C-alpha atoms as a PDB file:
ATOM      1  CA  MET A   1      91.430  91.675  95.390  1.00  0.00           C
ATOM      2  CA  SER A   2      93.144  90.323  98.477  1.00  0.00           C
ATOM      3  CA  LYS A   3      90.502  88.823 100.729  1.00  0.00           C
ATOM      4  CA  THR A   4      92.240  89.934 103.889  1.00  0.00           C
ATOM      5  CA  LEU A   5      93.472  93.528 103.776  1.00  0.00           C
ATOM      6  CA  LEU A   6      90.083  95.153 104.405  1.00  0.00           C
ATOM      7  CA  ASP A   7      89.493  92.737 107.274  1.00  0.00           C
ATOM      8  CA  GLN A   8      92.980  93.447 108.607  1.00  0.00           C
ATOM      9  CA  ILE A   9      92.219  97.166 108.729  1.00  0.00           C
ATOM     10  CA  LYS A  10      89.074  96.538 110.730  1.00  0.00           C
ATOM     11  CA  GLN A  11      90.914  94.201 113.091  1.00  0.00           C
ATOM     12  CA  ALA A  12      94.116  96.223 113.508  1.00  0.00           C
ATOM     13  CA  ASN A  13      92.524  99.717 113.592  1.00  0.00           C
ATOM     14  CA  PRO A  14      95.765 101.295 112.291  1.00  0.00           C
ATOM     15  CA  ILE A  15      96.465 104.923 113.181  1.00  0.00           C
ATOM     16  CA  ILE A  16      97.015 107.116 110.133  1.00  0.00           C
ATOM     17  CA  THR A  17      98.712 110.481 110.577  1.00  0.00           C
ATOM     18  CA  ASN A  18      97.489 112.932 107.947  1.00  0.00           C
ATOM     19  CA  VAL A  19      98.505 116.312 106.631  1.00  0.00           C
ATOM     20  CA  ALA A  20      95.275 116.898 104.762  1.00  0.00           C
ATOM     21  CA  ASN A  21      93.891 119.367 102.265  1.00  0.00           C
ATOM     22  CA  SER A  22      91.933 121.857 104.400  1.00  0.00           C
ATOM     23  CA  VAL A  23      89.097 121.693 101.857  1.00  0.00           C
ATOM     24  CA  THR A  24      88.549 117.968 102.466  1.00  0.00           C
ATOM     25  CA  VAL A  25      90.033 117.229 105.885  1.00  0.00           C
ATOM     26  CA  ASP A  26      86.749 115.891 107.290  1.00  0.00           C
ATOM     27  CA  GLN A  27      86.182 113.685 104.240  1.00  0.00           C
ATOM     28  CA  VAL A  28      89.590 112.046 104.605  1.00  0.00           C
ATOM     29  CA  ALA A  29      89.067 111.507 108.330  1.00  0.00           C
ATOM     30  CA  ASN A  30      85.589 110.081 107.743  1.00  0.00           C
ATOM     31  CA  VAL A  31      86.600 107.635 105.043  1.00  0.00           C
ATOM     32  CA  GLN A  32      89.548 106.300 107.045  1.00  0.00           C
ATOM     33  CA  ASN A  33      87.472 105.959 110.198  1.00  0.00           C
ATOM     34  CA  ILE A  34      84.545 104.308 108.430  1.00  0.00           C
ATOM     35  CA  ILE A  35      86.620 101.453 107.016  1.00  0.00           C
ATOM     36  CA  GLY A  36      88.215 100.769 110.395  1.00  0.00           C
ATOM     37  CA  ALA A  37      91.349 102.903 110.569  1.00  0.00           C
ATOM     38  CA  SER A  38      91.977 105.654 113.113  1.00  0.00           C
ATOM     39  CA  PRO A  39      92.783 109.030 111.511  1.00  0.00           C
ATOM     40  CA  ILE A  40      94.694 111.756 113.271  1.00  0.00           C
ATOM     41  CA  MET A  41      95.350 115.153 111.720  1.00  0.00           C
ATOM     42  CA  SER A  42      98.675 116.832 112.439  1.00  0.00           C
ATOM     43  CA  SER A  43      99.516 120.526 112.124  1.00  0.00           C
ATOM     44  CA  ASP A  44     102.455 121.290 114.455  1.00  0.00           C
ATOM     45  CA  PRO A  45     106.013 120.123 113.675  1.00  0.00           C
ATOM     46  CA  GLU A  46     106.752 119.889 117.410  1.00  0.00           C
ATOM     47  CA  GLU A  47     104.577 116.788 117.639  1.00  0.00           C
ATOM     48  CA  ALA A  48     106.018 115.062 114.545  1.00  0.00           C
ATOM     49  CA  PRO A  49     108.179 112.402 116.280  1.00  0.00           C
ATOM     50  CA  GLU A  50     105.338 111.261 118.529  1.00  0.00           C
ATOM     51  CA  MET A  51     102.757 111.516 115.749  1.00  0.00           C
ATOM     52  CA  VAL A  52     104.819 109.213 113.568  1.00  0.00           C
ATOM     53  CA  ALA A  53     105.713 106.886 116.424  1.00  0.00           C
ATOM     54  CA  ILE A  54     102.078 106.066 117.208  1.00  0.00           C
ATOM     55  CA  ALA A  55     101.029 105.789 113.546  1.00  0.00           C
ATOM     56  CA  GLN A  56     101.211 102.885 111.133  1.00  0.00           C
ATOM     57  CA  ALA A  57     101.258 105.155 108.048  1.00  0.00           C
ATOM     58  CA  LEU A  58     101.601 108.792 107.015  1.00  0.00           C
ATOM     59  CA  SER A  59      99.448 110.509 104.367  1.00  0.00           C
ATOM     60  CA  ILE A  60     100.629 113.795 102.842  1.00  0.00           C
ATOM     61  CA  ASN A  61      98.290 115.927 100.692  1.00  0.00           C
ATOM     62  CA  ILE A  62      99.673 119.179  99.226  1.00  0.00           C
ATOM     63  CA  GLY A  63      96.253 120.576  98.346  1.00  0.00           C
ATOM     64  CA  THR A  64      96.484 123.710 100.483  1.00  0.00           C
ATOM     65  CA  LEU A  65     100.024 125.027 100.772  1.00  0.00           C
ATOM     66  CA  SER A  66     101.618 127.652 102.972  1.00  0.00           C
ATOM     67  CA  ALA A  67     104.868 127.877 104.895  1.00  0.00           C
ATOM     68  CA  GLU A  68     103.649 126.124 108.060  1.00  0.00           C
ATOM     69  CA  PRO A  69     102.063 123.069 106.417  1.00  0.00           C
ATOM     70  CA  ILE A  70     105.082 122.650 104.141  1.00  0.00           C
ATOM     71  CA  HIS A  71     107.377 122.626 107.166  1.00  0.00           C
ATOM     72  CA  GLN A  72     105.033 120.145 108.839  1.00  0.00           C
ATOM     73  CA  MET A  73     105.044 117.855 105.793  1.00  0.00           C
ATOM     74  CA  LYS A  74     108.824 117.823 105.605  1.00  0.00           C
ATOM     75  CA  THR A  75     109.223 117.222 109.336  1.00  0.00           C
ATOM     76  CA  LEU A  76     106.717 114.363 109.384  1.00  0.00           C
ATOM     77  CA  MET A  77     108.111 112.745 106.253  1.00  0.00           C
ATOM     78  CA  ALA A  78     111.693 112.873 107.465  1.00  0.00           C
ATOM     79  CA  GLU A  79     110.580 111.303 110.729  1.00  0.00           C
ATOM     80  CA  ALA A  80     108.502 108.646 108.950  1.00  0.00           C
ATOM     81  CA  TYR A  81     111.453 107.590 106.831  1.00  0.00           C
ATOM     82  CA  ARG A  82     113.663 107.540 109.933  1.00  0.00           C
ATOM     83  CA  GLN A  83     111.147 105.271 111.670  1.00  0.00           C
ATOM     84  CA  ALA A  84     110.529 103.172 108.519  1.00  0.00           C
ATOM     85  CA  LYS A  85     106.821 104.009 108.396  1.00  0.00           C
ATOM     86  CA  PRO A  86     105.039 103.913 105.001  1.00  0.00           C
ATOM     87  CA  VAL A  87     104.335 107.270 103.353  1.00  0.00           C
ATOM     88  CA  VAL A  88     101.585 108.085 100.824  1.00  0.00           C
ATOM     89  CA  ILE A  89     101.712 111.342  98.827  1.00  0.00           C
ATOM     90  CA  ASP A  90      98.968 113.177  96.943  1.00  0.00           C
ATOM     91  CA  PRO A  91     100.649 115.791  94.651  1.00  0.00           C
ATOM     92  CA  VAL A  92      97.563 117.964  94.124  1.00  0.00           C
ATOM     93  CA  ALA A  93      97.739 120.227  91.037  1.00  0.00           C
ATOM     94  CA  VAL A  94     101.468 119.633  90.640  1.00  0.00           C
ATOM     95  CA  GLY A  95     101.042 119.300  86.892  1.00  0.00           C
ATOM     96  CA  SER A  96     100.062 122.934  86.383  1.00  0.00           C
ATOM     97  CA  ILE A  97     101.631 125.022  89.195  1.00  0.00           C
ATOM     98  CA  HIS A  98     105.385 125.628  89.176  1.00  0.00           C
ATOM     99  CA  TYR A  99     105.537 126.381  92.895  1.00  0.00           C
ATOM    100  CA  ARG A 100     103.878 123.033  93.663  1.00  0.00           C
ATOM    101  CA  GLN A 101     106.410 121.319  91.417  1.00  0.00           C
ATOM    102  CA  LYS A 102     109.189 122.841  93.511  1.00  0.00           C
ATOM    103  CA  ILE A 103     107.559 121.663  96.737  1.00  0.00           C
ATOM    104  CA  ILE A 104     106.843 118.125  95.550  1.00  0.00           C
ATOM    105  CA  ASP A 105     110.418 117.813  94.288  1.00  0.00           C
ATOM    106  CA  GLU A 106     111.658 118.850  97.738  1.00  0.00           C
ATOM    107  CA  LEU A 107     109.354 116.342  99.431  1.00  0.00           C
ATOM    108  CA  LEU A 108     110.415 113.512  97.132  1.00  0.00           C
ATOM    109  CA  ALA A 109     114.060 114.321  97.832  1.00  0.00           C
ATOM    110  CA  LEU A 110     113.482 113.313 101.469  1.00  0.00           C
ATOM    111  CA  GLY A 111     112.868 109.657 100.602  1.00  0.00           C
ATOM    112  CA  THR A 112     110.735 107.256  98.615  1.00  0.00           C
ATOM    113  CA  PRO A 113     107.018 107.057  99.408  1.00  0.00           C
ATOM    114  CA  LYS A 114     105.270 103.712  99.214  1.00  0.00           C
ATOM    115  CA  ILE A 115     102.407 105.079  97.071  1.00  0.00           C
ATOM    116  CA  ILE A 116     101.779 108.235  95.063  1.00  0.00           C
ATOM    117  CA  ARG A 117      98.123 108.807  94.127  1.00  0.00           C
ATOM    118  CA  GLY A 118      97.228 111.421  91.533  1.00  0.00           C
ATOM    119  CA  ASN A 119      95.295 112.188  88.379  1.00  0.00           C
ATOM    120  CA  ALA A 120      96.738 111.981  84.868  1.00  0.00           C
ATOM    121  CA  GLY A 121      98.199 115.486  84.838  1.00  0.00           C
ATOM    122  CA  GLU A 122      99.832 115.082  88.242  1.00  0.00           C
ATOM    123  CA  ILE A 123     101.319 111.688  87.429  1.00  0.00           C
ATOM    124  CA  ALA A 124     102.522 112.897  84.022  1.00  0.00           C
ATOM    125  CA  TYR A 125     104.598 115.572  85.767  1.00  0.00           C
ATOM    126  CA  LEU A 126     106.178 112.931  87.994  1.00  0.00           C
ATOM    127  CA  ALA A 127     106.905 110.887  84.875  1.00  0.00           C
ATOM    128  CA  GLY A 128     108.554 113.849  83.170  1.00  0.00           C
ATOM    129  CA  LEU A 129     106.059 113.668  80.286  1.00  0.00           C
ATOM    130  CA  ASP A 130     104.264 116.509  78.547  1.00  0.00           C
ATOM    131  CA  TRP A 131     100.631 116.906  79.591  1.00  0.00           C
ATOM    132  CA  GLN A 132      98.250 119.848  79.594  1.00  0.00           C
ATOM    133  CA  ALA A 133      97.138 119.761  83.229  1.00  0.00           C
ATOM    134  CA  ASN A 134      94.279 121.963  84.415  1.00  0.00           C
ATOM    135  CA  GLY A 135      94.588 122.722  88.126  1.00  0.00           C
ATOM    136  CA  ILE A 136      93.107 119.907  90.170  1.00  0.00           C
ATOM    137  CA  ASP A 137      91.540 118.427  87.027  1.00  0.00           C
ATOM    138  CA  ALA A 138      93.386 115.831  84.995  1.00  0.00           C
ATOM    139  CA  GLY A 139      93.651 117.957  81.870  1.00  0.00           C
ATOM    140  CA  SER A 140      94.445 116.320  78.540  1.00  0.00           C
ATOM    141  CA  GLY A 141      97.237 114.600  76.695  1.00  0.00           C
ATOM    142  CA  GLU A 142      97.820 112.148  73.883  1.00  0.00           C
ATOM    143  CA  ILE A 143     100.108 109.717  75.719  1.00  0.00           C
ATOM    144  CA  ASP A 144      98.795 106.311  76.761  1.00  0.00           C
ATOM    145  CA  LEU A 145      97.895 106.537  80.464  1.00  0.00           C
ATOM    146  CA  VAL A 146      99.368 103.142  81.244  1.00  0.00           C
ATOM    147  CA  LYS A 147     102.683 104.389  79.866  1.00  0.00           C
ATOM    148  CA  VAL A 148     102.354 107.580  81.935  1.00  0.00           C
ATOM    149  CA  ALA A 149     101.821 105.601  85.140  1.00  0.00           C
ATOM    150  CA  GLN A 150     104.545 103.057  84.409  1.00  0.00           C
ATOM    151  CA  THR A 151     107.060 105.762  83.528  1.00  0.00           C
ATOM    152  CA  ALA A 152     106.295 107.636  86.752  1.00  0.00           C
ATOM    153  CA  ALA A 153     106.587 104.458  88.815  1.00  0.00           C
ATOM    154  CA  LYS A 154     109.994 103.668  87.357  1.00  0.00           C
ATOM    155  CA  LYS A 155     111.260 107.229  87.646  1.00  0.00           C
ATOM    156  CA  GLN A 156     110.080 107.660  91.240  1.00  0.00           C
ATOM    157  CA  GLN A 157     110.739 104.009  92.185  1.00  0.00           C
ATOM    158  CA  THR A 158     107.365 103.681  93.853  1.00  0.00           C
ATOM    159  CA  THR A 159     103.820 102.428  93.353  1.00  0.00           C
ATOM    160  CA  ILE A 160     101.673 104.799  91.322  1.00  0.00           C
ATOM    161  CA  LEU A 161      97.891 104.984  91.490  1.00  0.00           C
ATOM    162  CA  LEU A 162      96.731 107.064  88.537  1.00  0.00           C
ATOM    163  CA  SER A 163      93.061 107.630  89.296  1.00  0.00           C
ATOM    164  CA  GLY A 164      90.372 108.433  86.757  1.00  0.00           C
ATOM    165  CA  PRO A 165      87.407 106.763  85.038  1.00  0.00           C
ATOM    166  CA  THR A 166      89.675 103.706  84.995  1.00  0.00           C
ATOM    167  CA  ASP A 167      92.247 103.540  87.788  1.00  0.00           C
ATOM    168  CA  ILE A 168      95.743 102.386  86.855  1.00  0.00           C
ATOM    169  CA  ILE A 169      98.008 100.925  89.520  1.00  0.00           C
ATOM    170  CA  THR A 170     101.617 100.055  88.753  1.00  0.00           C
ATOM    171  CA  ASP A 171     104.990  99.571  90.378  1.00  0.00           C
ATOM    172  CA  GLY A 172     106.681  99.865  86.993  1.00  0.00           C
ATOM    173  CA  HIS A 173     106.878  96.090  86.557  1.00  0.00           C
ATOM    174  CA  HIS A 174     103.295  94.993  87.219  1.00  0.00           C
ATOM    175  CA  THR A 175     100.202  96.959  86.218  1.00  0.00           C
ATOM    176  CA  THR A 176      96.528  96.596  87.089  1.00  0.00           C
ATOM    177  CA  LYS A 177      93.439  98.428  85.845  1.00  0.00           C
ATOM    178  CA  VAL A 178      90.295  98.939  87.929  1.00  0.00           C
ATOM    179  CA  ALA A 179      87.301  99.734  85.716  1.00  0.00           C
ATOM    180  CA  ASN A 180      84.692 100.202  88.450  1.00  0.00           C
ATOM    181  CA  GLY A 181      83.492 103.628  89.522  1.00  0.00           C
ATOM    182  CA  THR A 182      81.002 106.341  88.648  1.00  0.00           C
ATOM    183  CA  PRO A 183      81.108 109.762  86.955  1.00  0.00           C
ATOM    184  CA  LEU A 184      79.917 111.182  90.294  1.00  0.00           C
ATOM    185  CA  PHE A 185      83.488 110.852  91.546  1.00  0.00           C
ATOM    186  CA  GLN A 186      84.518 113.524  89.049  1.00  0.00           C
ATOM    187  CA  VAL A 187      81.931 116.033  90.314  1.00  0.00           C
ATOM    188  CA  HIS A 188      82.586 115.481  94.020  1.00  0.00           C
ATOM    189  CA  VAL A 189      85.458 117.573  95.366  1.00  0.00           C
ATOM    190  CA  GLY A 190      87.403 115.271  97.636  1.00  0.00           C
ATOM    191  CA  SER A 191      87.083 111.957  95.799  1.00  0.00           C
ATOM    192  CA  GLY A 192      90.807 111.822  95.064  1.00  0.00           C
ATOM    193  CA  ASP A 193      91.734 112.943  98.563  1.00  0.00           C
ATOM    194  CA  MET A 194      89.561 110.214 100.061  1.00  0.00           C
ATOM    195  CA  LEU A 195      91.191 107.604  97.831  1.00  0.00           C
ATOM    196  CA  THR A 196      94.616 108.793  98.979  1.00  0.00           C
ATOM    197  CA  GLY A 197      93.443 108.418 102.563  1.00  0.00           C
ATOM    198  CA  LEU A 198      92.305 104.875 101.832  1.00  0.00           C
ATOM    199  CA  CYS A 199      95.687 104.074 100.291  1.00  0.00           C
ATOM    200  CA  ALA A 200      97.315 105.070 103.579  1.00  0.00           C
ATOM    201  CA  ALA A 201      94.955 102.836 105.542  1.00  0.00           C
ATOM    202  CA  PHE A 202      95.583  99.845 103.286  1.00  0.00           C
ATOM    203  CA  VAL A 203      99.354 100.260 103.134  1.00  0.00           C
ATOM    204  CA  ALA A 204      99.392 100.576 106.932  1.00  0.00           C
ATOM    205  CA  VAL A 205      98.487  96.877 107.119  1.00  0.00           C
ATOM    206  CA  SER A 206     100.528  95.922 104.036  1.00  0.00           C
ATOM    207  CA  PRO A 207     103.727  98.016 104.143  1.00  0.00           C
ATOM    208  CA  ASP A 208     105.749  95.374 102.306  1.00  0.00           C
ATOM    209  CA  ASN A 209     103.303  95.161  99.393  1.00  0.00           C
ATOM    210  CA  PRO A 210     102.174  98.684  98.500  1.00  0.00           C
ATOM    211  CA  TYR A 211     101.180  97.559  95.003  1.00  0.00           C
ATOM    212  CA  GLN A 212      98.515  95.233  96.397  1.00  0.00           C
ATOM    213  CA  ALA A 213      97.510  97.819  98.980  1.00  0.00           C
ATOM    214  CA  ALA A 214      96.900 100.380  96.232  1.00  0.00           C
ATOM    215  CA  ILE A 215      94.897  97.882  94.172  1.00  0.00           C
ATOM    216  CA  ASP A 216      92.711  97.006  97.151  1.00  0.00           C
ATOM    217  CA  ALA A 217      92.176 100.656  98.108  1.00  0.00           C
ATOM    218  CA  ALA A 218      91.241 101.633  94.553  1.00  0.00           C
ATOM    219  CA  THR A 219      88.948  98.653  94.064  1.00  0.00           C
ATOM    220  CA  THR A 220      87.160  99.098  97.382  1.00  0.00           C
ATOM    221  CA  PHE A 221      86.540 102.784  96.720  1.00  0.00           C
ATOM    222  CA  ALA A 222      85.511 102.331  93.086  1.00  0.00           C
ATOM    223  CA  VAL A 223      83.144  99.452  93.789  1.00  0.00           C
ATOM    224  CA  ALA A 224      81.504 101.363  96.647  1.00  0.00           C
ATOM    225  CA  GLY A 225      80.976 104.404  94.438  1.00  0.00           C
ATOM    226  CA  GLN A 226      79.561 102.300  91.638  1.00  0.00           C
ATOM    227  CA  LEU A 227      77.139 100.445  93.927  1.00  0.00           C
ATOM    228  CA  VAL A 228      75.859 103.705  95.379  1.00  0.00           C
ATOM    229  CA  ALA A 229      75.368 105.353  91.982  1.00  0.00           C
ATOM    230  CA  GLU A 230      73.608 102.298  90.551  1.00  0.00           C
ATOM    231  CA  ALA A 231      71.200 102.194  93.498  1.00  0.00           C
ATOM    232  CA  MET A 232      70.215 105.873  93.226  1.00  0.00           C
ATOM    233  CA  PRO A 233      67.019 106.536  91.219  1.00  0.00           C
ATOM    234  CA  THR A 234      68.706 109.719  89.970  1.00  0.00           C
ATOM    235  CA  PRO A 235      72.459 109.832  90.577  1.00  0.00           C
ATOM    236  CA  LEU A 236      73.082 113.271  92.114  1.00  0.00           C
ATOM    237  CA  PRO A 237      76.311 114.588  93.688  1.00  0.00           C
ATOM    238  CA  GLY A 238      74.656 116.165  96.736  1.00  0.00           C
ATOM    239  CA  SER A 239      73.322 112.865  98.049  1.00  0.00           C
ATOM    240  CA  PHE A 240      76.184 110.742  96.724  1.00  0.00           C
ATOM    241  CA  TYR A 241      78.761 111.484  99.427  1.00  0.00           C
ATOM    242  CA  PRO A 242      76.741 110.458 102.515  1.00  0.00           C
ATOM    243  CA  GLN A 243      75.586 107.290 100.787  1.00  0.00           C
ATOM    244  CA  LEU A 244      79.181 106.543  99.781  1.00  0.00           C
ATOM    245  CA  LEU A 245      80.189 106.692 103.440  1.00  0.00           C
ATOM    246  CA  ASP A 246      77.344 104.347 104.377  1.00  0.00           C
ATOM    247  CA  CYS A 247      78.383 101.898 101.680  1.00  0.00           C
ATOM    248  CA  LEU A 248      82.025 101.926 102.733  1.00  0.00           C
ATOM    249  CA  PHE A 249      80.944 101.323 106.325  1.00  0.00           C
ATOM    250  CA  ASN A 250      79.074  98.158 105.311  1.00  0.00           C
ATOM    251  CA  ILE A 251      81.202  96.878 102.443  1.00  0.00           C
ATOM    252  CA  THR A 252      83.037  93.575 102.811  1.00  0.00           C
ATOM    253  CA  ALA A 253      85.936  92.029 100.928  1.00  0.00           C
ATOM    254  CA  ALA A 254      83.440  89.556  99.465  1.00  0.00           C
ATOM    255  CA  ASP A 255      81.287  92.421  98.158  1.00  0.00           C
ATOM    256  CA  VAL A 256      84.296  94.014  96.509  1.00  0.00           C
ATOM    257  CA  GLN A 257      85.444  90.752  94.979  1.00  0.00           C
ATOM    258  CA  THR A 258      81.971  90.036  93.583  1.00  0.00           C
ATOM    259  CA  HIS A 259      81.716  93.359  91.745  1.00  0.00           C
ATOM    260  CA  ALA A 260      85.367  94.107  90.972  1.00  0.00           C
ATOM    261  CA  GLN A 261      86.307  94.753  87.346  1.00  0.00           C
ATOM    262  CA  VAL A 262      90.042  94.288  87.700  1.00  0.00           C
ATOM    263  CA  THR A 263      92.429  93.314  84.920  1.00  0.00           C
ATOM    264  CA  GLU A 264      96.173  92.841  84.885  1.00  0.00           C
ATOM    265  CA  VAL A 265      98.026  94.584  82.068  1.00  0.00           C
ATOM    266  CA  LEU A 266     100.797  92.666  80.355  1.00  0.00           C
ATOM    267  CA  THR A 267     104.020  94.656  80.622  1.00  0.00           C
ATOM    268  CA  HIS A 268     106.819  94.305  78.088  1.00  0.00           C
ATOM    269  CA  GLU A 269     110.122  95.365  79.642  1.00  0.00           C
END
């Protein structure tokens, strides 16, 4: 892990404009704030130019869709690309809902995000590969997940963070696996949304290296979750989330580096 990005977030206090999933809006705001960023949630297209102007990154989550949020997403993204601000997208449930596929295709037509964070089913759709997605769950498939992520990265020309028991980060040319984490992430609604929010905070201070930003975000989050679960006498989801926030508040780059289980995958092009 880079020794400096987490410290840079705390020092720079970057503003992150978010269109969040209404189910997890407070979780995304909390996790960004706790690591040192400054979250702001946007819901009116009229404020888009100013919202983007004051922000260092934009995070778009399509978890709860309706006409107004879709218009807001498109307005903010168009403005972010115009102002050359980094964009992070979370294509929630796109692997199993045709309407969401239409919307994500329209959003991706506006420009190229720096990072796309999703589960296996969501990333498989972006790769154009067959996968039996199951709503917000990853679903199942027989394709190697590294291949899924790499194919999506090349097709979308962006950095992909395929999250799961082992996170896979790739820009299509370089690939890294993060093996830290805990099964409690899978039973806490909002884990993926929080990780997307962290990606936005990290890429805000590293817009020219989204691959490293995604690695650092994934590693920080996974190590924090693992440390919390290992310290709990009985790992339970109800008490996991508040302790995760506490851990992320206190975690340092040195802590992450000490516990990180990160490996680089050799890529044959």
